[in-house]
Amino acid sequence: MRLKALLLGTSFLAVSGLTAGAETLTIATVNNGDMIRMQKLTDDFKAKNPDIDLEWVTLEENVLRQRVTTDIATKGGQYDVLTIGTYEVPIWAKQDWLLPLENLGEDYDVDDLLPPIRAGLSYEDKLYAAPFYGESSMVMYRTDLFEEAGLEMPEAPTWEFVADAARKITDKDNEIYGICLRGKAGWGENMAFLTATANSFGARWFDENWQPQFDQPQWKETLDFYVNLMKDAGPPGASSNGFNENLALFQSGKCGMWIDATVAASFVTDPEESTVADKVGFALAPDNGLGKRGNWLWAWSLAIPAGTQKAEAAEKFIAWATGKDYLELVAEKEGWANVPPGTRTSLYENPEYAKIPFAEMTINSINTADPNNPTVDPVPYVGVQFVAIPEFQGLGTAVGQQFSAALAGQVTVDQALQSAQQLTQREMMKSGYIK
């Protein structure tokens, strides 16, 4: 499994063939498979731009967010290109922390970017980050285990079906766990999954007056469901598992189901990476019949901090990494299944890409996520798996720590929810949202 060691690493620094007299871009990025693949292919960029060198700072998701946020908020100037997500872009653009992307080149075709993805990366109709890949979330499952258990996965399953199936296909004696779900604390780790899931249970972070809602029965139902399901059908140590850890478990055949980012589909179906590559099926994220599915909307994107002295070179790199030619390059070197998904309309119109088994499910999941109306009851915020306010980064992680502790059995569900309510109420009063 050639990527596995890198995927599970927490950080490393890579310098790409430094050239005398060249301008060096320092790029902060996340340690997932698509980004690591991009680093391997940068000889193509170097050949076209011999006067630009690349220095990589590659970090685990939570660490990346912390360092990049600290650097940009303090105007530290460590990085020339940032890997950031749909949450940060409009908030940071409003603060004038990012430069608008206005010189990506005539052949870049901004209008080809998928409308939901582009909208999330824009502020006042200007693009402030270019999507490297876009994603929603969906169910990935072992078709062989379902067949053995006499189960058939619906295209649009309910949470009740998923929970029942997970318990039926669990075989702990043989280290096969019915379901793997994020448990690692972090606003973009366990809270991404749990916030999107809570939407489908009728829960919400805040009511229309910004009052926290963790003391409401919908959150109790969500967290009870999650903790009990993971206790019965999840792997040991689940409170430490994020995206990469669950990916490794699924690829090694230890997960019957995994509900997570659609971008994982290319890795779980890659025979060089996954022991179950030919036994994976896909379904929409589950619902509870309330009109909302538990699928999110996200893009890992490249942006330029306002403090850089190398904006022109940074924009050249971003245009290369997120342009149409890059998709062709990956297809040529690694096959269409490994092309970064979820960014361009033209990719989903490509007949070669349409043959990929997860292509249609990915685009359907992206198009049905609704960040402007994420919950059953009305809310004053935008965002499916996050709340698009500056305070959410700290709030989401603090609540995530409580919920991770509940999963680990260190506190009860009721205690976790009580703590979440109190700390969220305190922060919202301090920030002036409520009195």
Protein backbone atom coordinates (compact mmCIF):
# COMPACT_ATOMS: atom_id res chain seq x y z
CA MET A 1 0.00 0.00 0.00
CA ARG A 2 2.26 2.76 -1.32
CA LEU A 3 0.33 5.74 0.13
CA LYS A 4 -0.57 4.24 3.46
CA ALA A 5 2.51 5.31 5.38
CA LEU A 6 2.14 8.87 4.16
CA LEU A 7 -1.59 8.95 4.79
CA LEU A 8 -1.12 7.97 8.39
CA GLY A 9 1.83 10.25 9.06
CA THR A 10 1.23 13.40 11.04
CA SER A 11 3.58 15.74 9.25
CA PHE A 12 6.60 16.01 7.03
CA LEU A 13 8.44 18.66 5.10
CA ALA A 14 9.32 18.08 1.45
CA VAL A 15 11.43 20.32 -0.74
CA SER A 16 11.04 19.89 -4.48
CA GLY A 17 14.43 20.15 -6.33
CA LEU A 18 15.52 23.68 -5.46
CA THR A 19 16.92 25.67 -8.38
CA ALA A 20 19.52 28.44 -8.03
CA GLY A 21 17.94 31.86 -8.39
CA ALA A 22 14.38 30.51 -8.50
CA GLU A 23 11.50 31.89 -6.46
CA THR A 24 10.39 29.40 -3.77
CA LEU A 25 6.72 28.96 -2.90
CA THR A 26 5.96 27.48 0.53
CA ILE A 27 2.75 25.46 0.31
CA ALA A 28 0.82 24.28 3.38
CA THR A 29 -1.29 21.23 2.67
CA VAL A 30 -3.14 18.30 4.22
CA ASN A 31 -1.76 14.76 4.37
CA ASN A 32 -4.40 13.01 2.31
CA GLY A 33 -3.95 10.89 -0.77
CA ASP A 34 -4.94 13.41 -3.44
CA MET A 35 -2.58 16.05 -2.11
CA ILE A 36 0.29 13.57 -1.83
CA ARG A 37 -0.36 12.47 -5.40
CA MET A 38 -0.22 16.10 -6.48
CA GLN A 39 3.22 16.49 -4.90
CA LYS A 40 4.46 13.48 -6.88
CA LEU A 41 3.30 15.08 -10.13
CA THR A 42 4.83 18.53 -9.69
CA ASP A 43 7.66 17.79 -12.16
CA ASP A 44 5.07 18.78 -14.75
CA PHE A 45 4.66 22.18 -13.09
CA LYS A 46 8.43 22.61 -12.74
CA ALA A 47 8.95 21.84 -16.43
CA LYS A 48 6.49 24.61 -17.34
CA ASN A 49 7.75 27.01 -14.63
CA PRO A 50 11.51 26.45 -14.15
CA ASP A 51 11.81 29.73 -12.25
CA ILE A 52 9.52 28.55 -9.42
CA ASP A 53 10.53 26.05 -6.72
CA LEU A 54 8.10 24.38 -4.33
CA GLU A 55 8.53 23.73 -0.64
CA TRP A 56 5.84 21.60 1.03
CA VAL A 57 4.61 21.63 4.59
CA THR A 58 2.32 18.61 4.81
CA LEU A 59 0.29 18.19 7.99
CA GLU A 60 -2.49 16.15 9.60
CA GLU A 61 -5.89 17.83 9.17
CA ASN A 62 -6.35 19.28 12.67
CA VAL A 63 -2.72 20.48 12.84
CA LEU A 64 -2.93 22.09 9.39
CA ARG A 65 -6.02 24.06 10.37
CA GLN A 66 -4.46 25.27 13.60
CA ARG A 67 -1.17 26.37 12.06
CA VAL A 68 -2.64 28.01 8.98
CA THR A 69 -5.25 29.88 11.04
CA THR A 70 -2.63 31.11 13.52
CA ASP A 71 -0.30 32.19 10.73
CA ILE A 72 -2.87 34.13 8.74
CA ALA A 73 -4.51 35.76 11.77
CA THR A 74 -1.13 36.96 13.10
CA LYS A 75 0.16 37.87 9.61
CA GLY A 76 3.03 35.45 10.17
CA GLY A 77 3.77 35.09 6.47
CA GLN A 78 5.08 31.51 6.62
CA TYR A 79 3.12 30.29 3.58
CA ASP A 80 2.51 31.46 0.01
CA VAL A 81 -0.21 28.94 -0.82
CA LEU A 82 -2.71 27.61 1.75
CA THR A 83 -4.86 24.50 1.62
CA ILE A 84 -8.11 25.61 3.24
CA GLY A 85 -11.74 24.56 3.11
CA THR A 86 -15.17 25.88 2.31
CA TYR A 87 -15.62 27.06 5.91
CA GLU A 88 -12.62 29.40 5.97
CA VAL A 89 -12.77 31.00 2.52
CA PRO A 90 -15.66 33.50 2.82
CA ILE A 91 -14.82 34.32 6.46
CA TRP A 92 -11.15 35.01 5.69
CA ALA A 93 -11.96 36.85 2.46
CA LYS A 94 -14.24 39.19 4.42
CA GLN A 95 -11.32 39.90 6.78
CA ASP A 96 -9.06 40.73 3.76
CA TRP A 97 -6.79 37.82 4.72
CA LEU A 98 -6.91 36.28 1.22
CA LEU A 99 -6.19 37.62 -2.27
CA PRO A 100 -8.88 37.19 -4.94
CA LEU A 101 -7.94 34.81 -7.76
CA GLU A 102 -8.23 37.06 -10.79
CA ASN A 103 -5.35 35.92 -13.00
CA LEU A 104 -5.74 32.15 -13.35
CA GLY A 105 -5.25 32.38 -17.13
CA GLU A 106 -7.46 32.45 -20.20
CA ASP A 107 -7.75 28.66 -20.46
CA TYR A 108 -8.62 28.11 -16.76
CA ASP A 109 -12.42 28.23 -17.36
CA VAL A 110 -13.79 29.41 -14.02
CA ASP A 111 -17.33 28.88 -15.35
CA ASP A 112 -16.64 25.14 -15.56
CA LEU A 113 -16.38 24.90 -11.75
CA LEU A 114 -19.41 23.17 -10.25
CA PRO A 115 -21.83 25.89 -9.07
CA PRO A 116 -22.24 24.66 -5.43
CA ILE A 117 -18.47 24.33 -5.03
CA ARG A 118 -17.67 27.70 -6.65
CA ALA A 119 -20.32 29.48 -4.58
CA GLY A 120 -18.77 28.23 -1.34
CA LEU A 121 -15.34 29.57 -2.34
CA SER A 122 -16.53 33.02 -3.34
CA TYR A 123 -17.14 36.26 -1.47
CA GLU A 124 -19.00 39.18 -3.02
CA ASP A 125 -18.95 37.35 -6.36
CA LYS A 126 -15.15 37.00 -6.41
CA LEU A 127 -13.34 33.65 -6.27
CA TYR A 128 -10.92 33.55 -3.32
CA ALA A 129 -9.86 29.91 -3.51
CA ALA A 130 -9.70 27.33 -6.30
CA PRO A 131 -11.03 23.84 -5.51
CA PHE A 132 -8.47 21.05 -5.70
CA TYR A 133 -11.23 18.56 -5.05
CA GLY A 134 -14.83 18.79 -3.94
CA GLU A 135 -16.79 16.30 -1.92
CA SER A 136 -19.97 15.38 -0.21
CA SER A 137 -20.37 12.28 1.95
CA MET A 138 -21.90 8.87 1.24
CA VAL A 139 -22.04 5.27 2.38
CA MET A 140 -19.25 2.94 1.25
CA TYR A 141 -19.96 -0.69 2.05
CA ARG A 142 -18.68 -4.25 1.57
CA THR A 143 -20.90 -5.95 -1.00
CA ASP A 144 -19.57 -9.40 -0.03
CA LEU A 145 -20.52 -8.97 3.64
CA PHE A 146 -23.98 -7.73 2.70
CA GLU A 147 -24.46 -10.72 0.41
CA GLU A 148 -23.36 -13.17 3.10
CA ALA A 149 -25.84 -11.59 5.55
CA GLY A 150 -28.67 -11.65 2.99
CA LEU A 151 -28.88 -7.86 2.98
CA GLU A 152 -29.41 -5.47 0.07
CA MET A 153 -28.30 -1.87 0.42
CA PRO A 154 -30.90 0.63 -0.83
CA GLU A 155 -29.63 3.48 -2.99
CA ALA A 156 -31.01 5.87 -0.36
CA PRO A 157 -30.85 4.07 3.02
CA THR A 158 -32.31 5.16 6.35
CA TRP A 159 -30.27 5.35 9.55
CA GLU A 160 -32.42 2.52 10.94
CA PHE A 161 -31.40 0.25 8.05
CA VAL A 162 -27.74 1.21 8.38
CA ALA A 163 -27.68 0.51 12.12
CA ASP A 164 -29.43 -2.83 11.74
CA ALA A 165 -27.12 -3.90 8.91
CA ALA A 166 -24.01 -2.79 10.82
CA ARG A 167 -24.90 -4.96 13.78
CA LYS A 168 -25.69 -7.95 11.56
CA ILE A 169 -22.39 -7.91 9.65
CA THR A 170 -20.19 -7.31 12.71
CA ASP A 171 -17.83 -10.20 13.49
CA LYS A 172 -15.53 -8.95 16.24
CA ASP A 173 -13.81 -12.32 16.66
CA ASN A 174 -12.50 -11.91 13.10
CA GLU A 175 -11.90 -8.16 13.45
CA ILE A 176 -14.71 -7.19 11.10
CA TYR A 177 -16.66 -4.22 12.39
CA GLY A 178 -20.03 -3.37 10.90
CA ILE A 179 -19.38 0.36 10.70
CA CYS A 180 -16.50 2.82 10.96
CA LEU A 181 -17.35 6.45 11.74
CA ARG A 182 -15.23 9.42 12.74
CA GLY A 183 -14.55 9.76 16.47
CA LYS A 184 -11.41 11.93 16.58
CA ALA A 185 -12.18 15.31 18.13
CA GLY A 186 -12.13 18.31 15.81
CA TRP A 187 -14.58 20.67 14.14
CA GLY A 188 -13.61 19.16 10.79
CA GLU A 189 -13.21 15.61 12.10
CA ASN A 190 -15.92 14.08 14.31
CA MET A 191 -18.06 17.22 14.26
CA ALA A 192 -18.20 17.25 10.45
CA PHE A 193 -19.79 13.81 10.59
CA LEU A 194 -21.94 14.42 13.67
CA THR A 195 -23.25 17.85 12.60
CA ALA A 196 -24.29 16.51 9.19
CA THR A 197 -25.85 13.46 10.87
CA ALA A 198 -27.65 15.62 13.43
CA ASN A 199 -29.27 17.59 10.60
CA SER A 200 -30.99 14.40 9.46
CA PHE A 201 -32.23 13.76 13.03
CA GLY A 202 -33.86 17.20 13.12
CA ALA A 203 -31.16 18.73 15.35
CA ARG A 204 -29.41 22.08 14.83
CA TRP A 205 -26.58 23.99 16.48
CA PHE A 206 -28.64 27.14 17.07
CA ASP A 207 -32.23 28.27 16.84
CA GLU A 208 -33.15 31.39 14.88
CA ASN A 209 -32.09 33.60 17.82
CA TRP A 210 -28.61 31.98 18.11
CA GLN A 211 -29.57 30.04 21.23
CA PRO A 212 -27.58 26.76 21.44
CA GLN A 213 -29.70 23.63 21.02
CA PHE A 214 -27.68 20.82 22.63
CA ASP A 215 -30.29 20.58 25.40
CA GLN A 216 -32.96 19.56 22.88
CA PRO A 217 -34.15 15.94 22.37
CA GLN A 218 -32.93 15.79 18.75
CA TRP A 219 -29.29 16.08 19.82
CA LYS A 220 -29.83 13.49 22.57
CA GLU A 221 -31.28 11.11 19.96
CA THR A 222 -28.37 11.76 17.57
CA LEU A 223 -25.61 11.20 20.11
CA ASP A 224 -27.28 8.17 21.76
CA PHE A 225 -27.70 6.59 18.33
CA TYR A 226 -24.06 7.21 17.40
CA VAL A 227 -22.49 6.07 20.68
CA ASN A 228 -24.63 2.91 20.94
CA LEU A 229 -24.03 1.98 17.29
CA MET A 230 -20.28 2.40 17.63
CA LYS A 231 -20.24 0.42 20.87
CA ASP A 232 -22.11 -2.46 19.23
CA ALA A 233 -20.61 -2.43 15.72
CA GLY A 234 -17.60 -0.08 15.66
CA PRO A 235 -13.87 -0.81 15.96
CA PRO A 236 -11.97 -0.50 19.24
CA GLY A 237 -10.40 2.91 19.91
CA ALA A 238 -12.90 4.65 17.61
CA SER A 239 -12.59 7.93 19.55
CA SER A 240 -9.09 8.31 18.02
CA ASN A 241 -10.16 7.62 14.44
CA GLY A 242 -10.51 10.35 11.83
CA PHE A 243 -10.69 10.16 8.04
CA ASN A 244 -7.25 8.60 7.48
CA GLU A 245 -7.55 6.02 10.27
CA ASN A 246 -10.95 4.82 9.02
CA LEU A 247 -9.66 4.74 5.46
CA ALA A 248 -6.86 2.41 6.56
CA LEU A 249 -9.33 0.19 8.44
CA PHE A 250 -11.67 -0.04 5.45
CA GLN A 251 -8.86 -0.74 2.99
CA SER A 252 -7.59 -3.58 5.19
CA GLY A 253 -11.01 -5.23 5.24
CA LYS A 254 -11.97 -4.40 8.81
CA CYS A 255 -15.04 -2.21 8.11
CA GLY A 256 -18.34 -3.39 6.74
CA MET A 257 -19.54 0.18 6.17
CA TRP A 258 -17.94 3.57 6.25
CA ILE A 259 -19.87 6.84 5.96
CA ASP A 260 -17.48 9.58 4.99
CA ALA A 261 -16.19 11.82 2.22
CA THR A 262 -17.02 10.86 -1.36
CA VAL A 263 -13.37 11.52 -2.24
CA ALA A 264 -12.43 8.28 -0.43
CA ALA A 265 -14.08 6.22 -3.18
CA SER A 266 -10.99 6.24 -5.41
CA PHE A 267 -8.82 4.90 -2.57
CA VAL A 268 -11.12 2.13 -1.36
CA THR A 269 -11.53 0.87 -4.95
CA ASP A 270 -7.82 1.04 -5.85
CA PRO A 271 -6.46 -2.53 -6.00
CA GLU A 272 -2.95 -1.28 -5.18
CA GLU A 273 -4.22 0.30 -1.96
CA SER A 274 -7.28 -1.69 -0.88
CA THR A 275 -7.66 -5.38 -0.10
CA VAL A 276 -11.42 -5.09 -0.78
CA ALA A 277 -11.21 -2.97 -3.96
CA ASP A 278 -13.53 -5.23 -5.98
CA LYS A 279 -16.10 -5.59 -3.17
CA VAL A 280 -17.19 -1.98 -2.56
CA GLY A 281 -20.64 -0.53 -3.17
CA PHE A 282 -21.94 3.02 -2.70
CA ALA A 283 -25.17 4.59 -1.44
CA LEU A 284 -26.41 8.04 -0.49
CA ALA A 285 -25.83 9.24 3.07
CA PRO A 286 -28.66 8.02 5.34
CA ASP A 287 -31.76 9.95 6.42
CA ASN A 288 -34.54 9.65 9.00
CA GLY A 289 -37.47 10.51 6.78
CA LEU A 290 -37.43 14.16 7.88
CA GLY A 291 -36.33 15.57 4.53
CA LYS A 292 -32.60 15.95 5.24
CA ARG A 293 -29.81 13.47 4.50
CA GLY A 294 -26.59 13.36 6.47
CA ASN A 295 -24.43 14.45 3.53
CA TRP A 296 -22.13 17.45 3.70
CA LEU A 297 -20.51 19.80 1.18
CA TRP A 298 -16.80 20.59 1.22
CA ALA A 299 -13.88 21.47 -0.98
CA TRP A 300 -10.20 21.35 -0.13
CA SER A 301 -8.97 24.39 -1.99
CA LEU A 302 -5.85 26.42 -2.65
CA ALA A 303 -5.74 30.08 -1.66
CA ILE A 304 -3.20 32.89 -1.43
CA PRO A 305 -2.68 34.71 1.88
CA ALA A 306 -2.74 38.48 1.57
CA GLY A 307 0.70 38.75 3.21
CA THR A 308 2.64 36.84 0.53
CA GLN A 309 5.25 38.59 -1.58
CA LYS A 310 4.91 35.93 -4.27
CA ALA A 311 1.29 36.27 -5.40
CA GLU A 312 1.99 35.96 -9.13
CA ALA A 313 3.93 32.70 -8.76
CA ALA A 314 1.34 31.39 -6.27
CA GLU A 315 -1.48 32.01 -8.74
CA LYS A 316 0.45 30.17 -11.46
CA PHE A 317 0.76 27.16 -9.18
CA ILE A 318 -2.92 27.24 -8.21
CA ALA A 319 -3.96 27.47 -11.88
CA TRP A 320 -1.82 24.41 -12.64
CA ALA A 321 -3.03 22.31 -9.68
CA THR A 322 -6.75 23.03 -10.14
CA GLY A 323 -6.97 23.36 -13.93
CA LYS A 324 -8.36 20.97 -16.53
CA ASP A 325 -4.89 19.91 -17.69
CA TYR A 326 -4.08 18.59 -14.22
CA LEU A 327 -7.09 16.27 -14.37
CA GLU A 328 -5.82 14.95 -17.71
CA LEU A 329 -2.34 14.50 -16.22
CA VAL A 330 -3.65 12.39 -13.32
CA ALA A 331 -5.82 10.35 -15.70
CA GLU A 332 -2.80 9.66 -17.90
CA LYS A 333 -0.50 8.70 -15.02
CA GLU A 334 -2.92 7.04 -12.56
CA GLY A 335 -6.21 6.39 -14.37
CA TRP A 336 -9.51 8.26 -14.42
CA ALA A 337 -10.63 6.78 -11.08
CA ASN A 338 -7.86 8.72 -9.33
CA VAL A 339 -8.65 12.14 -10.80
CA PRO A 340 -9.53 14.69 -8.06
CA PRO A 341 -13.34 14.67 -8.05
CA GLY A 342 -16.10 17.16 -7.46
CA THR A 343 -14.77 20.37 -8.99
CA ARG A 344 -15.66 20.64 -12.68
CA THR A 345 -18.81 20.11 -14.74
CA SER A 346 -16.72 18.91 -17.68
CA LEU A 347 -15.36 15.98 -15.65
CA TYR A 348 -18.88 14.63 -15.12
CA GLU A 349 -19.65 15.11 -18.81
CA ASN A 350 -16.58 13.08 -19.78
CA PRO A 351 -17.70 9.60 -20.99
CA GLU A 352 -14.49 8.02 -19.67
CA TYR A 353 -15.10 9.36 -16.19
CA ALA A 354 -18.79 8.39 -16.31
CA LYS A 355 -17.68 4.73 -16.33
CA ILE A 356 -16.24 5.09 -12.82
CA PRO A 357 -18.63 3.29 -10.42
CA PHE A 358 -18.78 6.13 -7.88
CA ALA A 359 -18.95 9.10 -10.30
CA GLU A 360 -22.74 9.44 -10.38
CA MET A 361 -23.19 8.94 -6.63
CA THR A 362 -20.55 11.62 -5.94
CA ILE A 363 -22.12 14.30 -8.15
CA ASN A 364 -25.63 13.48 -6.87
CA SER A 365 -24.42 13.83 -3.28
CA ILE A 366 -22.72 17.17 -4.01
CA ASN A 367 -25.75 18.55 -5.83
CA THR A 368 -28.22 17.56 -3.09
CA ALA A 369 -26.26 19.08 -0.20
CA ASP A 370 -27.90 22.39 0.70
CA PRO A 371 -25.71 24.69 2.84
CA ASN A 372 -28.29 27.48 2.68
CA ASN A 373 -31.02 25.25 4.19
CA PRO A 374 -29.09 22.57 6.07
CA THR A 375 -31.58 21.66 8.79
CA VAL A 376 -35.18 20.52 9.24
CA ASP A 377 -36.09 23.61 11.28
CA PRO A 378 -34.91 27.10 10.24
CA VAL A 379 -31.47 28.36 11.34
CA PRO A 380 -29.68 31.71 11.08
CA TYR A 381 -26.50 30.20 9.64
CA VAL A 382 -25.12 28.73 6.43
CA GLY A 383 -23.23 25.42 6.32
CA VAL A 384 -24.08 21.72 6.38
CA GLN A 385 -21.35 20.19 8.57
CA PHE A 386 -20.22 23.48 10.03
CA VAL A 387 -21.68 26.82 11.09
CA ALA A 388 -20.19 29.60 8.97
CA ILE A 389 -19.24 31.98 11.78
CA PRO A 390 -15.65 32.72 12.92
CA GLU A 391 -16.31 31.31 16.40
CA PHE A 392 -17.17 27.86 15.05
CA GLN A 393 -13.57 26.70 14.66
CA GLY A 394 -13.01 26.84 18.42
CA LEU A 395 -16.57 25.91 19.34
CA GLY A 396 -16.71 22.91 17.02
CA THR A 397 -13.48 21.48 18.38
CA ALA A 398 -14.52 22.03 22.03
CA VAL A 399 -17.87 20.30 21.44
CA GLY A 400 -16.07 17.60 19.45
CA GLN A 401 -13.88 16.87 22.48
CA GLN A 402 -16.99 16.32 24.62
CA PHE A 403 -18.55 13.99 22.05
CA SER A 404 -15.29 12.07 21.57
CA ALA A 405 -15.13 11.59 25.34
CA ALA A 406 -18.70 10.23 25.29
CA LEU A 407 -17.70 7.76 22.57
CA ALA A 408 -14.69 6.67 24.63
CA GLY A 409 -16.95 6.13 27.67
CA GLN A 410 -15.20 8.83 29.74
CA VAL A 411 -18.46 10.78 30.17
CA THR A 412 -22.11 9.94 29.55
CA VAL A 413 -24.03 11.24 26.56
CA ASP A 414 -26.04 13.48 28.89
CA GLN A 415 -22.88 14.91 30.44
CA ALA A 416 -21.36 15.57 27.02
CA LEU A 417 -24.48 17.37 25.82
CA GLN A 418 -24.71 19.43 29.02
CA SER A 419 -21.09 20.51 28.65
CA ALA A 420 -21.63 21.30 24.95
CA GLN A 421 -24.63 23.46 25.81
CA GLN A 422 -22.80 25.36 28.54
CA LEU A 423 -19.59 26.05 26.61
CA THR A 424 -21.49 27.07 23.46
CA GLN A 425 -23.81 29.36 25.42
CA ARG A 426 -20.84 30.98 27.15
CA GLU A 427 -19.00 31.62 23.87
CA MET A 428 -22.09 32.99 22.10
CA MET A 429 -22.72 35.42 24.98
CA LYS A 430 -19.08 36.48 24.99
CA SER A 431 -19.20 37.06 21.23
CA GLY A 432 -22.39 39.10 21.44
CA TYR A 433 -24.76 36.79 19.60
CA ILE A 434 -27.00 36.41 22.67
CA LYS A 435 -27.45 38.24 25.96
